[in-house]
Amino acid sequence: MEDDILLTANFKQNLQRYWLAAGTVLICVTVVGIPLLLIWFPIGLWATQRYIDNMSAELTAQKLIVRKGIFTRTENTVPLDKITDMALIQDPIMRFFGLHKLTVETAGQSGSGALINLLGIDEVESFRANVLRQKSILEERKRGSETVPNNDQDEALICLRDIAASLGRIETMFAKLEQVKGNDEC
């Protein structure tokens, strides 16, 4: 059964400029890379736009699905009950572009660092809050299914009262039997 999508993340347009600026700085740092700037801008524009177009983050009732990549596309599906932390990170350059990085860490993940890094989600605080809210809802449902429903509790209580009444009758019968034995001995 396929889960219905509750929320889909949108990505900011500033993300492309951020990656282009980061690439430009990296190329300028290397003296050899400076001639590559003429090639970097058209290729960088194409690559960053294609990467953004292939990025998606979808929240369903039970999981978070993240897709990204240009040549090698990856899809991470994280069950909400396995999420242990969702951190928002913003370095000075990200702050300049109005971007945040959302990191998702899970229980049992191998290696250090975050399992998922998402940069440039529009309204990231709201997206994070919705994921955490859905995680809480899922945990409440699981906790609720582990406890005995009220109808079953009522039936168990009635059964226990019947058992107690039966034990009371048995005790009364034993008491009468002991009286009869006591009278026969006299």
Protein backbone atom coordinates (compact mmCIF):
# COMPACT_ATOMS: atom_id res chain seq x y z
CA MET A 1 0.00 0.00 0.00
CA GLU A 2 1.42 3.35 -1.02
CA ASP A 3 1.26 6.13 1.57
CA ASP A 4 -0.44 9.37 0.61
CA ILE A 5 1.90 12.35 0.46
CA LEU A 6 1.09 14.77 3.29
CA LEU A 7 3.67 17.43 2.45
CA THR A 8 6.17 18.13 -0.33
CA ALA A 9 9.15 20.42 0.21
CA ASN A 10 9.87 23.25 -2.20
CA PHE A 11 13.39 24.54 -2.69
CA LYS A 12 14.47 28.19 -2.77
CA GLN A 13 15.73 29.77 -5.98
CA ASN A 14 18.69 31.19 -4.02
CA LEU A 15 20.05 27.67 -3.82
CA GLN A 16 21.36 27.82 -7.38
CA ARG A 17 23.17 31.11 -6.73
CA TYR A 18 24.63 29.70 -3.50
CA TRP A 19 26.09 26.67 -5.29
CA LEU A 20 27.38 28.82 -8.16
CA ALA A 21 29.05 31.18 -5.69
CA ALA A 22 30.57 28.27 -3.74
CA GLY A 23 31.90 26.73 -6.95
CA THR A 24 33.29 30.07 -8.10
CA VAL A 25 35.13 30.60 -4.81
CA LEU A 26 36.52 27.08 -4.96
CA ILE A 27 37.73 27.54 -8.54
CA CYS A 28 39.25 30.97 -7.75
CA VAL A 29 41.17 29.57 -4.79
CA THR A 30 43.14 27.39 -7.16
CA VAL A 31 45.18 29.48 -9.55
CA VAL A 32 44.88 26.77 -12.19
CA GLY A 33 41.09 26.92 -11.94
CA ILE A 34 40.74 30.62 -12.86
CA PRO A 35 40.66 29.90 -16.63
CA LEU A 36 37.92 27.35 -15.91
CA LEU A 37 35.59 30.13 -14.78
CA LEU A 38 34.48 30.67 -18.37
CA ILE A 39 33.40 27.05 -18.54
CA TRP A 40 32.09 26.90 -14.95
CA PHE A 41 29.25 29.38 -15.34
CA PRO A 42 27.35 27.69 -18.20
CA ILE A 43 28.04 24.19 -16.91
CA GLY A 44 27.39 25.26 -13.32
CA LEU A 45 24.09 26.89 -14.24
CA TRP A 46 22.95 23.76 -16.05
CA ALA A 47 24.19 21.33 -13.37
CA THR A 48 22.80 23.21 -10.38
CA GLN A 49 19.40 23.73 -12.01
CA ARG A 50 19.21 20.07 -13.00
CA TYR A 51 20.19 19.01 -9.47
CA ILE A 52 17.51 21.26 -7.94
CA ASP A 53 14.94 19.92 -10.40
CA ASN A 54 15.78 16.36 -9.30
CA MET A 55 15.60 17.14 -5.58
CA SER A 56 12.47 16.28 -3.65
CA ALA A 57 11.47 15.66 -0.06
CA GLU A 58 8.06 14.17 0.68
CA LEU A 59 6.41 13.47 4.01
CA THR A 60 3.93 10.61 4.25
CA ALA A 61 2.08 9.28 7.27
CA GLN A 62 4.92 6.90 8.15
CA LYS A 63 8.08 7.99 6.35
CA LEU A 64 10.20 10.76 4.87
CA ILE A 65 11.28 10.19 1.26
CA VAL A 66 14.20 12.20 -0.16
CA ARG A 67 15.34 12.02 -3.79
CA LYS A 68 18.30 13.83 -5.35
CA GLY A 69 21.13 13.55 -7.84
CA ILE A 70 22.03 14.36 -11.42
CA PHE A 71 23.85 11.37 -12.84
CA THR A 72 23.50 9.04 -9.87
CA ARG A 73 20.07 9.48 -8.41
CA THR A 74 19.51 8.39 -4.84
CA GLU A 75 16.33 7.86 -2.89
CA ASN A 76 16.39 7.65 0.89
CA THR A 77 13.29 6.45 2.69
CA VAL A 78 13.40 7.06 6.42
CA PRO A 79 10.70 5.65 8.70
CA LEU A 80 9.56 8.48 10.96
CA ASP A 81 9.86 6.35 14.08
CA LYS A 82 13.61 5.91 13.37
CA ILE A 83 14.35 9.66 13.24
CA THR A 84 16.35 10.72 16.30
CA ASP A 85 17.30 14.29 15.36
CA MET A 86 16.50 16.95 12.79
CA ALA A 87 18.96 19.84 13.01
CA LEU A 88 18.93 23.18 11.22
CA ILE A 89 22.38 24.49 10.26
CA GLN A 90 23.17 27.90 8.83
CA ASP A 91 26.72 29.12 8.24
CA PRO A 92 27.43 32.79 7.41
CA ILE A 93 27.29 32.27 3.64
CA MET A 94 24.01 30.37 3.93
CA ARG A 95 22.67 33.19 6.09
CA PHE A 96 23.63 35.69 3.37
CA PHE A 97 21.61 33.68 0.82
CA GLY A 98 18.77 33.02 3.30
CA LEU A 99 19.32 29.24 3.28
CA HIS A 100 19.35 26.52 5.94
CA LYS A 101 20.63 22.96 5.84
CA LEU A 102 18.27 20.41 7.40
CA THR A 103 20.04 17.28 8.65
CA VAL A 104 18.19 14.09 9.54
CA GLU A 105 19.78 11.55 11.84
CA THR A 106 18.31 8.14 12.54
CA ALA A 107 18.65 5.36 15.06
CA GLY A 108 20.94 2.64 13.81
CA GLN A 109 22.52 4.62 10.98
CA SER A 110 25.99 3.54 10.02
CA GLY A 111 28.85 6.02 10.13
CA SER A 112 28.99 9.45 11.64
CA GLY A 113 27.13 12.51 10.51
CA ALA A 114 23.64 12.90 9.18
CA LEU A 115 21.90 10.31 7.03
CA ILE A 116 20.19 13.04 4.98
CA ASN A 117 21.30 16.61 4.28
CA LEU A 118 18.81 18.92 2.58
CA LEU A 119 19.92 22.40 1.65
CA GLY A 120 17.60 25.23 0.66
CA ILE A 121 14.15 23.99 1.65
CA ASP A 122 11.65 26.83 1.45
CA GLU A 123 10.04 27.43 4.88
CA VAL A 124 12.40 24.87 6.42
CA GLU A 125 11.23 25.49 10.00
CA SER A 126 7.66 24.67 9.03
CA PHE A 127 8.74 21.55 7.11
CA ARG A 128 10.79 20.35 10.09
CA ALA A 129 7.90 21.02 12.50
CA ASN A 130 5.50 19.07 10.27
CA VAL A 131 7.85 16.07 10.12
CA LEU A 132 8.28 16.09 13.90
CA ARG A 133 4.52 16.51 14.41
CA GLN A 134 3.80 13.53 12.13
CA LYS A 135 6.45 11.52 14.02
CA SER A 136 4.65 12.32 17.30
CA ILE A 137 1.29 11.33 15.82
CA LEU A 138 2.76 8.03 14.65
CA GLU A 139 4.28 7.36 18.09
CA GLU A 140 0.95 8.13 19.79
CA ARG A 141 -0.86 5.70 17.50
CA LYS A 142 1.69 2.98 18.25
CA ARG A 143 1.41 3.60 21.98
CA GLY A 144 -2.38 3.55 21.72
CA SER A 145 -2.37 0.23 19.89
CA GLU A 146 -0.14 -1.32 22.58
CA THR A 147 -2.61 -0.55 25.36
CA VAL A 148 -5.82 -2.51 25.78
CA PRO A 149 -8.83 -0.65 24.38
CA ASN A 150 -11.51 0.43 26.88
CA ASN A 151 -14.00 -2.21 25.72
CA ASP A 152 -11.47 -4.96 26.38
CA GLN A 153 -10.61 -3.42 29.75
CA ASP A 154 -14.30 -3.38 30.68
CA GLU A 155 -14.67 -7.02 29.65
CA ALA A 156 -11.57 -7.99 31.64
CA LEU A 157 -12.90 -6.16 34.70
CA ILE A 158 -16.25 -7.95 34.44
CA CYS A 159 -14.43 -11.28 34.09
CA LEU A 160 -12.30 -10.55 37.17
CA ARG A 161 -15.41 -9.66 39.17
CA ASP A 162 -17.05 -12.94 38.11
CA ILE A 163 -13.94 -14.85 39.20
CA ALA A 164 -13.92 -13.04 42.54
CA ALA A 165 -17.61 -13.86 43.05
CA SER A 166 -16.95 -17.53 42.19
CA LEU A 167 -14.06 -17.65 44.66
CA GLY A 168 -16.33 -16.14 47.29
CA ARG A 169 -18.94 -18.86 46.68
CA ILE A 170 -16.25 -21.57 46.85
CA GLU A 171 -15.00 -20.17 50.18
CA THR A 172 -18.56 -20.16 51.51
CA MET A 173 -19.03 -23.79 50.43
CA PHE A 174 -15.76 -24.80 52.15
CA ALA A 175 -16.82 -22.97 55.29
CA LYS A 176 -20.17 -24.83 55.30
CA LEU A 177 -18.37 -28.13 54.62
CA GLU A 178 -16.07 -27.52 57.59
CA GLN A 179 -19.11 -26.78 59.78
CA VAL A 180 -20.74 -30.03 58.70
CA LYS A 181 -17.52 -31.93 59.44
CA GLY A 182 -17.30 -30.20 62.82
CA ASN A 183 -20.90 -31.18 63.68
CA ASP A 184 -20.29 -34.81 62.56
CA GLU A 185 -17.29 -35.11 64.87
CA CYS A 186 -19.28 -34.05 67.88
